[in-house]
Amino acid sequence: MPKERHLIQNEYGAHFFRFTVPKWYQISHSTNKKTILLSLKTKDPDLARARVQQMSVFTRLLLTKIKKHGKVGFMSLGKQA
């Protein structure tokens, strides 16, 4: 099975979404964060893969909107600009 790019598993079997914060975002938002690590709240590899795919799409959409408009409120994520 192919390995998901943003999927990691800790020593206890829990899965996490790991995302590298783009350099342009770090500079424009004055943050030192280089990675974001979010628990997927599962030990099931298939469920973890599905959740990582959803998180990847959401993250790309969010970063695209931030890059285009500056800041984006969570209520405007579903609206097409």
C-alpha atoms as a PDB file:
ATOM      1  CA  MET A   1       0.000   0.000   0.000  1.00  0.00           C
ATOM      2  CA  PRO A   2       1.429   3.443  -0.875  1.00  0.00           C
ATOM      3  CA  LYS A   3       2.495   5.601   2.035  1.00  0.00           C
ATOM      4  CA  GLU A   4       0.536   8.792   2.595  1.00  0.00           C
ATOM      5  CA  ARG A   5       2.682  11.907   2.535  1.00  0.00           C
ATOM      6  CA  HIS A   6       1.300  13.549   5.696  1.00  0.00           C
ATOM      7  CA  LEU A   7       0.581  10.412   7.732  1.00  0.00           C
ATOM      8  CA  ILE A   8       2.737   9.444  10.701  1.00  0.00           C
ATOM      9  CA  GLN A   9       2.236   6.931  13.479  1.00  0.00           C
ATOM     10  CA  ASN A  10       3.620   7.175  17.012  1.00  0.00           C
ATOM     11  CA  GLU A  11       5.038   4.329  19.077  1.00  0.00           C
ATOM     12  CA  TYR A  12       1.599   3.629  20.605  1.00  0.00           C
ATOM     13  CA  GLY A  13      -0.084   3.102  17.234  1.00  0.00           C
ATOM     14  CA  ALA A  14      -1.976   6.412  17.084  1.00  0.00           C
ATOM     15  CA  HIS A  15      -1.964   8.196  13.720  1.00  0.00           C
ATOM     16  CA  PHE A  16      -1.255  11.877  13.132  1.00  0.00           C
ATOM     17  CA  PHE A  17      -1.542  14.388  10.300  1.00  0.00           C
ATOM     18  CA  ARG A  18       1.804  16.139   9.860  1.00  0.00           C
ATOM     19  CA  PHE A  19       1.989  19.241   7.726  1.00  0.00           C
ATOM     20  CA  THR A  20       4.999  21.388   6.918  1.00  0.00           C
ATOM     21  CA  VAL A  21       4.124  25.090   7.078  1.00  0.00           C
ATOM     22  CA  PRO A  22       5.176  26.804   3.826  1.00  0.00           C
ATOM     23  CA  LYS A  23       8.009  29.352   4.103  1.00  0.00           C
ATOM     24  CA  TRP A  24       5.857  32.146   2.617  1.00  0.00           C
ATOM     25  CA  TYR A  25       3.304  31.599   5.409  1.00  0.00           C
ATOM     26  CA  GLN A  26       5.969  31.583   8.121  1.00  0.00           C
ATOM     27  CA  ILE A  27       7.335  34.910   6.843  1.00  0.00           C
ATOM     28  CA  SER A  28       4.004  36.649   6.207  1.00  0.00           C
ATOM     29  CA  HIS A  29       2.496  35.599   9.546  1.00  0.00           C
ATOM     30  CA  SER A  30       5.627  35.937  11.706  1.00  0.00           C
ATOM     31  CA  THR A  31       5.538  32.405  13.027  1.00  0.00           C
ATOM     32  CA  ASN A  32       8.344  30.058  13.979  1.00  0.00           C
ATOM     33  CA  LYS A  33       6.182  26.959  13.476  1.00  0.00           C
ATOM     34  CA  LYS A  34       7.666  24.710  10.839  1.00  0.00           C
ATOM     35  CA  THR A  35       5.279  21.793  11.229  1.00  0.00           C
ATOM     36  CA  ILE A  36       1.752  21.204  12.464  1.00  0.00           C
ATOM     37  CA  LEU A  37       0.901  17.884  14.066  1.00  0.00           C
ATOM     38  CA  LEU A  38      -2.759  16.932  14.576  1.00  0.00           C
ATOM     39  CA  SER A  39      -4.083  13.707  16.053  1.00  0.00           C
ATOM     40  CA  LEU A  40      -6.383  11.731  13.758  1.00  0.00           C
ATOM     41  CA  LYS A  41      -7.836  10.029  16.856  1.00  0.00           C
ATOM     42  CA  THR A  42      -7.530   6.534  15.420  1.00  0.00           C
ATOM     43  CA  LYS A  43      -5.253   3.512  15.365  1.00  0.00           C
ATOM     44  CA  ASP A  44      -6.941   2.096  12.263  1.00  0.00           C
ATOM     45  CA  PRO A  45      -4.626   2.622   9.252  1.00  0.00           C
ATOM     46  CA  ASP A  46      -7.440   2.708   6.683  1.00  0.00           C
ATOM     47  CA  LEU A  47      -9.422   5.316   8.615  1.00  0.00           C
ATOM     48  CA  ALA A  48      -6.222   7.306   9.186  1.00  0.00           C
ATOM     49  CA  ARG A  49      -5.498   7.334   5.424  1.00  0.00           C
ATOM     50  CA  ALA A  50      -9.000   8.600   4.666  1.00  0.00           C
ATOM     51  CA  ARG A  51      -8.712  11.342   7.292  1.00  0.00           C
ATOM     52  CA  VAL A  52      -5.282  12.392   6.037  1.00  0.00           C
ATOM     53  CA  GLN A  53      -6.624  12.726   2.506  1.00  0.00           C
ATOM     54  CA  GLN A  54      -9.448  14.959   3.786  1.00  0.00           C
ATOM     55  CA  MET A  55      -7.040  17.051   5.859  1.00  0.00           C
ATOM     56  CA  SER A  56      -4.686  17.427   2.871  1.00  0.00           C
ATOM     57  CA  VAL A  57      -7.470  18.750   0.648  1.00  0.00           C
ATOM     58  CA  PHE A  58      -8.705  21.107   3.377  1.00  0.00           C
ATOM     59  CA  THR A  59      -5.169  22.393   4.059  1.00  0.00           C
ATOM     60  CA  ARG A  60      -4.472  23.054   0.363  1.00  0.00           C
ATOM     61  CA  LEU A  61      -7.791  24.895   0.014  1.00  0.00           C
ATOM     62  CA  LEU A  62      -7.124  26.971   3.114  1.00  0.00           C
ATOM     63  CA  LEU A  63      -3.583  27.920   2.078  1.00  0.00           C
ATOM     64  CA  THR A  64      -4.721  28.808  -1.445  1.00  0.00           C
ATOM     65  CA  LYS A  65      -7.364  31.156  -0.051  1.00  0.00           C
ATOM     66  CA  ILE A  66      -4.934  32.694   2.440  1.00  0.00           C
ATOM     67  CA  LYS A  67      -2.358  33.288  -0.294  1.00  0.00           C
ATOM     68  CA  LYS A  68      -4.990  34.861  -2.551  1.00  0.00           C
ATOM     69  CA  HIS A  69      -6.898  36.985  -0.001  1.00  0.00           C
ATOM     70  CA  GLY A  70      -4.524  37.452   2.932  1.00  0.00           C
ATOM     71  CA  LYS A  71      -6.637  36.183   5.814  1.00  0.00           C
ATOM     72  CA  VAL A  72      -9.590  33.808   5.640  1.00  0.00           C
ATOM     73  CA  GLY A  73     -12.302  33.303   8.245  1.00  0.00           C
ATOM     74  CA  PHE A  74     -13.496  29.774   8.850  1.00  0.00           C
ATOM     75  CA  MET A  75     -17.056  30.712   7.860  1.00  0.00           C
ATOM     76  CA  SER A  76     -15.877  31.646   4.355  1.00  0.00           C
ATOM     77  CA  LEU A  77     -14.085  28.374   3.598  1.00  0.00           C
ATOM     78  CA  GLY A  78     -17.084  26.810   1.873  1.00  0.00           C
ATOM     79  CA  LYS A  79     -17.773  29.823  -0.348  1.00  0.00           C
ATOM     80  CA  GLN A  80     -16.229  30.023  -3.770  1.00  0.00           C
ATOM     81  CA  ALA A  81     -14.423  33.280  -4.570  1.00  0.00           C
END
